Amino acid sequence: MEGDKVEIATLDVKNYRPEEISLKVEHGRIKIDGKHKSEGEHGYETSEFHRSYNLPDGVDVSTVSSRITGDGLLHIEALKAEPQ
């Protein structure tokens, strides 16, 4: 259900292709890395970023998902964990 989703982070990645971005979940954190390399008139240009976020309490780590919108925003979200 849409109401059971938790937004973890939103990043502007419009200068990166999806294959240039990696996400890894470990030890209660999500790590996002991006690296873009392009060839220009005067040689190569490289840009990269590294972000790390604590996962909110009460999320199901196995449901972390991401999507990139048409305007270049990376949305990372997860479902709330089922109460035990």
PDB file of N, CA and C in Angstrom:
ATOM      1  N   MET A   1       0.828  -1.191   0.000  1.00  0.00           N
ATOM      2  CA  MET A   1       0.000   0.000   0.000  1.00  0.00           C
ATOM      3  C   MET A   1       0.870   1.252   0.000  1.00  0.00           C
ATOM      4  N   GLU A   2       0.428   2.270  -0.644  1.00  0.00           N
ATOM      5  CA  GLU A   2       1.191   3.514  -0.732  1.00  0.00           C
ATOM      6  C   GLU A   2       1.417   4.133   0.643  1.00  0.00           C
ATOM      7  N   GLY A   3       0.439   4.048   1.541  1.00  0.00           N
ATOM      8  CA  GLY A   3       0.566   4.644   2.862  1.00  0.00           C
ATOM      9  C   GLY A   3       1.575   3.952   3.746  1.00  0.00           C
ATOM     10  N   ASP A   4       1.981   2.741   3.387  1.00  0.00           N
ATOM     11  CA  ASP A   4       2.943   1.993   4.183  1.00  0.00           C
ATOM     12  C   ASP A   4       4.373   2.225   3.736  1.00  0.00           C
ATOM     13  N   LYS A   5       4.590   3.128   2.790  1.00  0.00           N
ATOM     14  CA  LYS A   5       5.942   3.419   2.308  1.00  0.00           C
ATOM     15  C   LYS A   5       6.569   4.526   3.144  1.00  0.00           C
ATOM     16  N   VAL A   6       7.877   4.404   3.328  1.00  0.00           N
ATOM     17  CA  VAL A   6       8.648   5.416   4.044  1.00  0.00           C
ATOM     18  C   VAL A   6       9.685   5.967   3.079  1.00  0.00           C
ATOM     19  N   GLU A   7       9.688   7.276   2.883  1.00  0.00           N
ATOM     20  CA  GLU A   7      10.681   7.930   2.028  1.00  0.00           C
ATOM     21  C   GLU A   7      11.986   8.019   2.808  1.00  0.00           C
ATOM     22  N   ILE A   8      13.059   7.470   2.245  1.00  0.00           N
ATOM     23  CA  ILE A   8      14.361   7.483   2.908  1.00  0.00           C
ATOM     24  C   ILE A   8      15.194   8.666   2.427  1.00  0.00           C
ATOM     25  N   ALA A   9      15.219   8.883   1.115  1.00  0.00           N
ATOM     26  CA  ALA A   9      16.023   9.981   0.565  1.00  0.00           C
ATOM     27  C   ALA A   9      15.556  10.295  -0.844  1.00  0.00           C
ATOM     28  N   THR A  10      15.803  11.530  -1.266  1.00  0.00           N
ATOM     29  CA  THR A  10      15.590  11.962  -2.643  1.00  0.00           C
ATOM     30  C   THR A  10      16.830  12.741  -3.057  1.00  0.00           C
ATOM     31  N   LEU A  11      17.428  12.343  -4.186  1.00  0.00           N
ATOM     32  CA  LEU A  11      18.647  12.995  -4.667  1.00  0.00           C
ATOM     33  C   LEU A  11      18.480  13.413  -6.115  1.00  0.00           C
ATOM     34  N   ASP A  12      19.097  14.521  -6.477  1.00  0.00           N
ATOM     35  CA  ASP A  12      19.124  14.986  -7.860  1.00  0.00           C
ATOM     36  C   ASP A  12      20.276  14.275  -8.570  1.00  0.00           C
ATOM     37  N   VAL A  13      19.940  13.393  -9.512  1.00  0.00           N
ATOM     38  CA  VAL A  13      20.967  12.619 -10.232  1.00  0.00           C
ATOM     39  C   VAL A  13      20.837  12.814 -11.743  1.00  0.00           C
ATOM     40  N   LYS A  14      20.324  13.966 -12.165  1.00  0.00           N
ATOM     41  CA  LYS A  14      20.048  14.164 -13.594  1.00  0.00           C
ATOM     42  C   LYS A  14      21.295  14.111 -14.465  1.00  0.00           C
ATOM     43  N   ASN A  15      22.483  14.291 -13.892  1.00  0.00           N
ATOM     44  CA  ASN A  15      23.716  14.217 -14.677  1.00  0.00           C
ATOM     45  C   ASN A  15      24.323  12.814 -14.707  1.00  0.00           C
ATOM     46  N   TYR A  16      23.597  11.825 -14.172  1.00  0.00           N
ATOM     47  CA  TYR A  16      24.086  10.449 -14.098  1.00  0.00           C
ATOM     48  C   TYR A  16      23.110   9.514 -14.799  1.00  0.00           C
ATOM     49  N   ARG A  17      23.656   8.498 -15.459  1.00  0.00           N
ATOM     50  CA  ARG A  17      22.821   7.448 -16.036  1.00  0.00           C
ATOM     51  C   ARG A  17      22.544   6.410 -14.941  1.00  0.00           C
ATOM     52  N   PRO A  18      21.431   5.683 -15.033  1.00  0.00           N
ATOM     53  CA  PRO A  18      21.120   4.695 -13.988  1.00  0.00           C
ATOM     54  C   PRO A  18      22.262   3.710 -13.719  1.00  0.00           C
ATOM     55  N   GLU A  19      22.966   3.290 -14.758  1.00  0.00           N
ATOM     56  CA  GLU A  19      24.058   2.325 -14.562  1.00  0.00           C
ATOM     57  C   GLU A  19      25.277   2.947 -13.873  1.00  0.00           C
ATOM     58  N   GLU A  20      25.284   4.252 -13.693  1.00  0.00           N
ATOM     59  CA  GLU A  20      26.392   4.936 -13.012  1.00  0.00           C
ATOM     60  C   GLU A  20      26.120   5.133 -11.515  1.00  0.00           C
ATOM     61  N   ILE A  21      24.992   4.616 -11.050  1.00  0.00           N
ATOM     62  CA  ILE A  21      24.583   4.787  -9.654  1.00  0.00           C
ATOM     63  C   ILE A  21      24.467   3.418  -9.003  1.00  0.00           C
ATOM     64  N   SER A  22      25.012   3.292  -7.796  1.00  0.00           N
ATOM     65  CA  SER A  22      24.877   2.033  -7.061  1.00  0.00           C
ATOM     66  C   SER A  22      24.328   2.310  -5.667  1.00  0.00           C
ATOM     67  N   LEU A  23      23.536   1.374  -5.184  1.00  0.00           N
ATOM     68  CA  LEU A  23      22.970   1.454  -3.842  1.00  0.00           C
ATOM     69  C   LEU A  23      23.318   0.178  -3.102  1.00  0.00           C
ATOM     70  N   LYS A  24      23.672   0.324  -1.844  1.00  0.00           N
ATOM     71  CA  LYS A  24      23.997  -0.835  -1.021  1.00  0.00           C
ATOM     72  C   LYS A  24      23.406  -0.612   0.365  1.00  0.00           C
ATOM     73  N   VAL A  25      22.711  -1.635   0.875  1.00  0.00           N
ATOM     74  CA  VAL A  25      22.135  -1.574   2.214  1.00  0.00           C
ATOM     75  C   VAL A  25      22.937  -2.504   3.109  1.00  0.00           C
ATOM     76  N   GLU A  26      23.473  -1.950   4.211  1.00  0.00           N
ATOM     77  CA  GLU A  26      24.194  -2.787   5.168  1.00  0.00           C
ATOM     78  C   GLU A  26      24.277  -2.082   6.516  1.00  0.00           C
ATOM     79  N   HIS A  27      24.177  -2.876   7.565  1.00  0.00           N
ATOM     80  CA  HIS A  27      24.330  -2.385   8.937  1.00  0.00           C
ATOM     81  C   HIS A  27      23.407  -1.205   9.250  1.00  0.00           C
ATOM     82  N   GLY A  28      22.162  -1.288   8.778  1.00  0.00           N
ATOM     83  CA  GLY A  28      21.192  -0.247   9.091  1.00  0.00           C
ATOM     84  C   GLY A  28      21.384   1.068   8.352  1.00  0.00           C
ATOM     85  N   ARG A  29      22.188   1.041   7.306  1.00  0.00           N
ATOM     86  CA  ARG A  29      22.447   2.251   6.510  1.00  0.00           C
ATOM     87  C   ARG A  29      22.272   1.930   5.030  1.00  0.00           C
ATOM     88  N   ILE A  30      21.991   2.964   4.253  1.00  0.00           N
ATOM     89  CA  ILE A  30      21.980   2.819   2.799  1.00  0.00           C
ATOM     90  C   ILE A  30      23.065   3.730   2.246  1.00  0.00           C
ATOM     91  N   LYS A  31      23.891   3.169   1.378  1.00  0.00           N
ATOM     92  CA  LYS A  31      25.000   3.913   0.780  1.00  0.00           C
ATOM     93  C   LYS A  31      24.702   4.072  -0.706  1.00  0.00           C
ATOM     94  N   ILE A  32      24.788   5.306  -1.201  1.00  0.00           N
ATOM     95  CA  ILE A  32      24.531   5.614  -2.608  1.00  0.00           C
ATOM     96  C   ILE A  32      25.794   6.225  -3.192  1.00  0.00           C
ATOM     97  N   ASP A  33      26.261   5.653  -4.285  1.00  0.00           N
ATOM     98  CA  ASP A  33      27.452   6.157  -4.968  1.00  0.00           C
ATOM     99  C   ASP A  33      27.113   6.399  -6.430  1.00  0.00           C
ATOM    100  N   GLY A  34      27.654   7.450  -6.986  1.00  0.00           N
ATOM    101  CA  GLY A  34      27.492   7.739  -8.406  1.00  0.00           C
ATOM    102  C   GLY A  34      28.804   8.211  -8.993  1.00  0.00           C
ATOM    103  N   LYS A  35      29.096   7.748 -10.206  1.00  0.00           N
ATOM    104  CA  LYS A  35      30.317   8.180 -10.883  1.00  0.00           C
ATOM    105  C   LYS A  35      30.015   8.327 -12.366  1.00  0.00           C
ATOM    106  N   HIS A  36      30.299   9.519 -12.893  1.00  0.00           N
ATOM    107  CA  HIS A  36      30.042   9.824 -14.299  1.00  0.00           C
ATOM    108  C   HIS A  36      31.344  10.283 -14.943  1.00  0.00           C
ATOM    109  N   LYS A  37      31.644   9.710 -16.104  1.00  0.00           N
ATOM    110  CA  LYS A  37      32.846  10.095 -16.841  1.00  0.00           C
ATOM    111  C   LYS A  37      32.426  10.448 -18.259  1.00  0.00           C
ATOM    112  N   SER A  38      32.889  11.599 -18.728  1.00  0.00           N
ATOM    113  CA  SER A  38      32.575  12.002 -20.095  1.00  0.00           C
ATOM    114  C   SER A  38      33.824  12.570 -20.746  1.00  0.00           C
ATOM    115  N   GLU A  39      33.858  12.456 -22.054  1.00  0.00           N
ATOM    116  CA  GLU A  39      34.992  12.980 -22.812  1.00  0.00           C
ATOM    117  C   GLU A  39      34.585  14.308 -23.419  1.00  0.00           C
ATOM    118  N   GLY A  40      35.391  15.311 -23.160  1.00  0.00           N
ATOM    119  CA  GLY A  40      35.114  16.639 -23.686  1.00  0.00           C
ATOM    120  C   GLY A  40      36.205  17.093 -24.630  1.00  0.00           C
ATOM    121  N   GLU A  41      36.107  18.316 -25.006  1.00  0.00           N
ATOM    122  CA  GLU A  41      37.046  18.917 -25.948  1.00  0.00           C
ATOM    123  C   GLU A  41      38.489  18.907 -25.425  1.00  0.00           C
ATOM    124  N   HIS A  42      38.636  19.029 -24.111  1.00  0.00           N
ATOM    125  CA  HIS A  42      39.973  19.130 -23.519  1.00  0.00           C
ATOM    126  C   HIS A  42      40.333  17.906 -22.688  1.00  0.00           C
ATOM    127  N   GLY A  43      39.728  16.773 -22.952  1.00  0.00           N
ATOM    128  CA  GLY A  43      40.044  15.552 -22.213  1.00  0.00           C
ATOM    129  C   GLY A  43      38.819  15.004 -21.502  1.00  0.00           C
ATOM    130  N   TYR A  44      39.083  14.192 -20.493  1.00  0.00           N
ATOM    131  CA  TYR A  44      38.004  13.547 -19.749  1.00  0.00           C
ATOM    132  C   TYR A  44      37.590  14.381 -18.548  1.00  0.00           C
ATOM    133  N   GLU A  45      36.327  14.290 -18.230  1.00  0.00           N
ATOM    134  CA  GLU A  45      35.796  14.944 -17.040  1.00  0.00           C
ATOM    135  C   GLU A  45      35.079  13.885 -16.218  1.00  0.00           C
ATOM    136  N   THR A  46      35.373  13.847 -14.936  1.00  0.00           N
ATOM    137  CA  THR A  46      34.753  12.876 -14.044  1.00  0.00           C
ATOM    138  C   THR A  46      34.059  13.611 -12.911  1.00  0.00           C
ATOM    139  N   SER A  47      32.852  13.177 -12.591  1.00  0.00           N
ATOM    140  CA  SER A  47      32.166  13.699 -11.412  1.00  0.00           C
ATOM    141  C   SER A  47      31.625  12.511 -10.632  1.00  0.00           C
ATOM    142  N   GLU A  48      31.639  12.627  -9.320  1.00  0.00           N
ATOM    143  CA  GLU A  48      31.120  11.539  -8.504  1.00  0.00           C
ATOM    144  C   GLU A  48      30.554  12.081  -7.207  1.00  0.00           C
ATOM    145  N   PHE A  49      29.716  11.246  -6.576  1.00  0.00           N
ATOM    146  CA  PHE A  49      29.169  11.603  -5.275  1.00  0.00           C
ATOM    147  C   PHE A  49      29.050  10.344  -4.438  1.00  0.00           C
ATOM    148  N   HIS A  50      29.032  10.534  -3.137  1.00  0.00           N
ATOM    149  CA  HIS A  50      28.866   9.453  -2.171  1.00  0.00           C
ATOM    150  C   HIS A  50      27.946   9.977  -1.075  1.00  0.00           C
ATOM    151  N   ARG A  51      26.880   9.257  -0.800  1.00  0.00           N
ATOM    152  CA  ARG A  51      25.954   9.632   0.269  1.00  0.00           C
ATOM    153  C   ARG A  51      25.659   8.389   1.108  1.00  0.00           C
ATOM    154  N   SER A  52      25.402   8.616   2.378  1.00  0.00           N
ATOM    155  CA  SER A  52      25.056   7.526   3.277  1.00  0.00           C
ATOM    156  C   SER A  52      23.978   8.025   4.229  1.00  0.00           C
ATOM    157  N   TYR A  53      22.938   7.210   4.423  1.00  0.00           N
ATOM    158  CA  TYR A  53      21.820   7.587   5.281  1.00  0.00           C
ATOM    159  C   TYR A  53      21.508   6.446   6.235  1.00  0.00           C
ATOM    160  N   ASN A  54      21.141   6.794   7.470  1.00  0.00           N
ATOM    161  CA  ASN A  54      20.620   5.794   8.393  1.00  0.00           C
ATOM    162  C   ASN A  54      19.226   5.406   7.929  1.00  0.00           C
ATOM    163  N   LEU A  55      18.928   4.126   7.967  1.00  0.00           N
ATOM    164  CA  LEU A  55      17.567   3.698   7.652  1.00  0.00           C
ATOM    165  C   LEU A  55      16.676   4.038   8.841  1.00  0.00           C
ATOM    166  N   PRO A  56      15.488   4.549   8.593  1.00  0.00           N
ATOM    167  CA  PRO A  56      14.591   4.885   9.701  1.00  0.00           C
ATOM    168  C   PRO A  56      14.187   3.632  10.474  1.00  0.00           C
ATOM    169  N   ASP A  57      13.929   3.809  11.760  1.00  0.00           N
ATOM    170  CA  ASP A  57      13.415   2.700  12.563  1.00  0.00           C
ATOM    171  C   ASP A  57      12.079   2.260  11.990  1.00  0.00           C
ATOM    172  N   GLY A  58      11.816   0.973  12.065  1.00  0.00           N
ATOM    173  CA  GLY A  58      10.516   0.457  11.666  1.00  0.00           C
ATOM    174  C   GLY A  58      10.338   0.193  10.189  1.00  0.00           C
ATOM    175  N   VAL A  59      11.438   0.180   9.396  1.00  0.00           N
ATOM    176  CA  VAL A  59      11.292  -0.176   7.983  1.00  0.00           C
ATOM    177  C   VAL A  59      11.789  -1.598   7.763  1.00  0.00           C
ATOM    178  N   ASP A  60      11.212  -2.259   6.789  1.00  0.00           N
ATOM    179  CA  ASP A  60      11.628  -3.599   6.383  1.00  0.00           C
ATOM    180  C   ASP A  60      12.788  -3.440   5.405  1.00  0.00           C
ATOM    181  N   VAL A  61      13.996  -3.755   5.854  1.00  0.00           N
ATOM    182  CA  VAL A  61      15.206  -3.550   5.053  1.00  0.00           C
ATOM    183  C   VAL A  61      15.128  -4.296   3.721  1.00  0.00           C
ATOM    184  N   SER A  62      14.451  -5.426   3.696  1.00  0.00           N
ATOM    185  CA  SER A  62      14.379  -6.220   2.461  1.00  0.00           C
ATOM    186  C   SER A  62      13.513  -5.564   1.391  1.00  0.00           C
ATOM    187  N   THR A  63      12.797  -4.498   1.733  1.00  0.00           N
ATOM    188  CA  THR A  63      11.907  -3.847   0.761  1.00  0.00           C
ATOM    189  C   THR A  63      12.445  -2.520   0.245  1.00  0.00           C
ATOM    190  N   VAL A  64      13.691  -2.179   0.564  1.00  0.00           N
ATOM    191  CA  VAL A  64      14.258  -0.920   0.078  1.00  0.00           C
ATOM    192  C   VAL A  64      14.253  -0.936  -1.451  1.00  0.00           C
ATOM    193  N   SER A  65      13.728   0.118  -2.054  1.00  0.00           N
ATOM    194  CA  SER A  65      13.671   0.206  -3.515  1.00  0.00           C
ATOM    195  C   SER A  65      14.002   1.626  -3.950  1.00  0.00           C
ATOM    196  N   SER A  66      14.324   1.756  -5.225  1.00  0.00           N
ATOM    197  CA  SER A  66      14.658   3.075  -5.761  1.00  0.00           C
ATOM    198  C   SER A  66      14.076   3.215  -7.154  1.00  0.00           C
ATOM    199  N   ARG A  67      13.881   4.465  -7.548  1.00  0.00           N
ATOM    200  CA  ARG A  67      13.414   4.766  -8.904  1.00  0.00           C
ATOM    201  C   ARG A  67      13.913   6.155  -9.268  1.00  0.00           C
ATOM    202  N   ILE A  68      14.168   6.336 -10.551  1.00  0.00           N
ATOM    203  CA  ILE A  68      14.576   7.644 -11.053  1.00  0.00           C
ATOM    204  C   ILE A  68      13.434   8.190 -11.898  1.00  0.00           C
ATOM    205  N   THR A  69      12.999   9.384 -11.571  1.00  0.00           N
ATOM    206  CA  THR A  69      11.895  10.005 -12.295  1.00  0.00           C
ATOM    207  C   THR A  69      12.407  10.670 -13.567  1.00  0.00           C
ATOM    208  N   GLY A  70      11.494  11.059 -14.422  1.00  0.00           N
ATOM    209  CA  GLY A  70      11.843  11.698 -15.683  1.00  0.00           C
ATOM    210  C   GLY A  70      12.600  13.006 -15.521  1.00  0.00           C
ATOM    211  N   ASP A  71      12.440  13.656 -14.366  1.00  0.00           N
ATOM    212  CA  ASP A  71      13.163  14.910 -14.132  1.00  0.00           C
ATOM    213  C   ASP A  71      14.486  14.696 -13.395  1.00  0.00           C
ATOM    214  N   GLY A  72      14.946  13.434 -13.308  1.00  0.00           N
ATOM    215  CA  GLY A  72      16.270  13.148 -12.767  1.00  0.00           C
ATOM    216  C   GLY A  72      16.372  13.052 -11.260  1.00  0.00           C
ATOM    217  N   LEU A  73      15.263  12.801 -10.582  1.00  0.00           N
ATOM    218  CA  LEU A  73      15.309  12.632  -9.134  1.00  0.00           C
ATOM    219  C   LEU A  73      15.316  11.151  -8.782  1.00  0.00           C
ATOM    220  N   LEU A  74      16.251  10.771  -7.919  1.00  0.00           N
ATOM    221  CA  LEU A  74      16.333   9.406  -7.409  1.00  0.00           C
ATOM    222  C   LEU A  74      15.568   9.360  -6.098  1.00  0.00           C
ATOM    223  N   HIS A  75      14.525   8.534  -6.045  1.00  0.00           N
ATOM    224  CA  HIS A  75      13.721   8.361  -4.838  1.00  0.00           C
ATOM    225  C   HIS A  75      14.046   6.998  -4.250  1.00  0.00           C
ATOM    226  N   ILE A  76      14.378   6.981  -2.965  1.00  0.00           N
ATOM    227  CA  ILE A  76      14.662   5.731  -2.263  1.00  0.00           C
ATOM    228  C   ILE A  76      13.623   5.594  -1.164  1.00  0.00           C
ATOM    229  N   GLU A  77      12.973   4.437  -1.121  1.00  0.00           N
ATOM    230  CA  GLU A  77      11.921   4.222  -0.140  1.00  0.00           C
ATOM    231  C   GLU A  77      11.899   2.768   0.292  1.00  0.00           C
ATOM    232  N   ALA A  78      11.161   2.498   1.350  1.00  0.00           N
ATOM    233  CA  ALA A  78      10.999   1.136   1.858  1.00  0.00           C
ATOM    234  C   ALA A  78       9.612   1.035   2.481  1.00  0.00           C
ATOM    235  N   LEU A  79       9.178  -0.188   2.684  1.00  0.00           N
ATOM    236  CA  LEU A  79       7.901  -0.417   3.349  1.00  0.00           C
ATOM    237  C   LEU A  79       8.110  -0.471   4.853  1.00  0.00           C
ATOM    238  N   LYS A  80       7.079  -0.078   5.586  1.00  0.00           N
ATOM    239  CA  LYS A  80       7.124  -0.216   7.040  1.00  0.00           C
ATOM    240  C   LYS A  80       7.135  -1.700   7.382  1.00  0.00           C
ATOM    241  N   ALA A  81       7.862  -2.052   8.428  1.00  0.00           N
ATOM    242  CA  ALA A  81       7.905  -3.443   8.883  1.00  0.00           C
ATOM    243  C   ALA A  81       6.563  -3.806   9.510  1.00  0.00           C
ATOM    244  N   GLU A  82       6.193  -5.068   9.365  1.00  0.00           N
ATOM    245  CA  GLU A  82       4.963  -5.559   9.982  1.00  0.00           C
ATOM    246  C   GLU A  82       5.147  -5.592  11.497  1.00  0.00           C
ATOM    247  N   PRO A  83       4.152  -5.143  12.257  1.00  0.00           N
ATOM    248  CA  PRO A  83       4.266  -5.230  13.722  1.00  0.00           C
ATOM    249  C   PRO A  83       4.338  -6.690  14.156  1.00  0.00           C
ATOM    250  N   GLN A  84       5.142  -6.931  15.183  1.00  0.00           N
ATOM    251  CA  GLN A  84       5.304  -8.327  15.638  1.00  0.00           C
ATOM    252  C   GLN A  84       4.571  -8.592  16.907  1.00  0.00           C
TER     253      GLN A  84
END
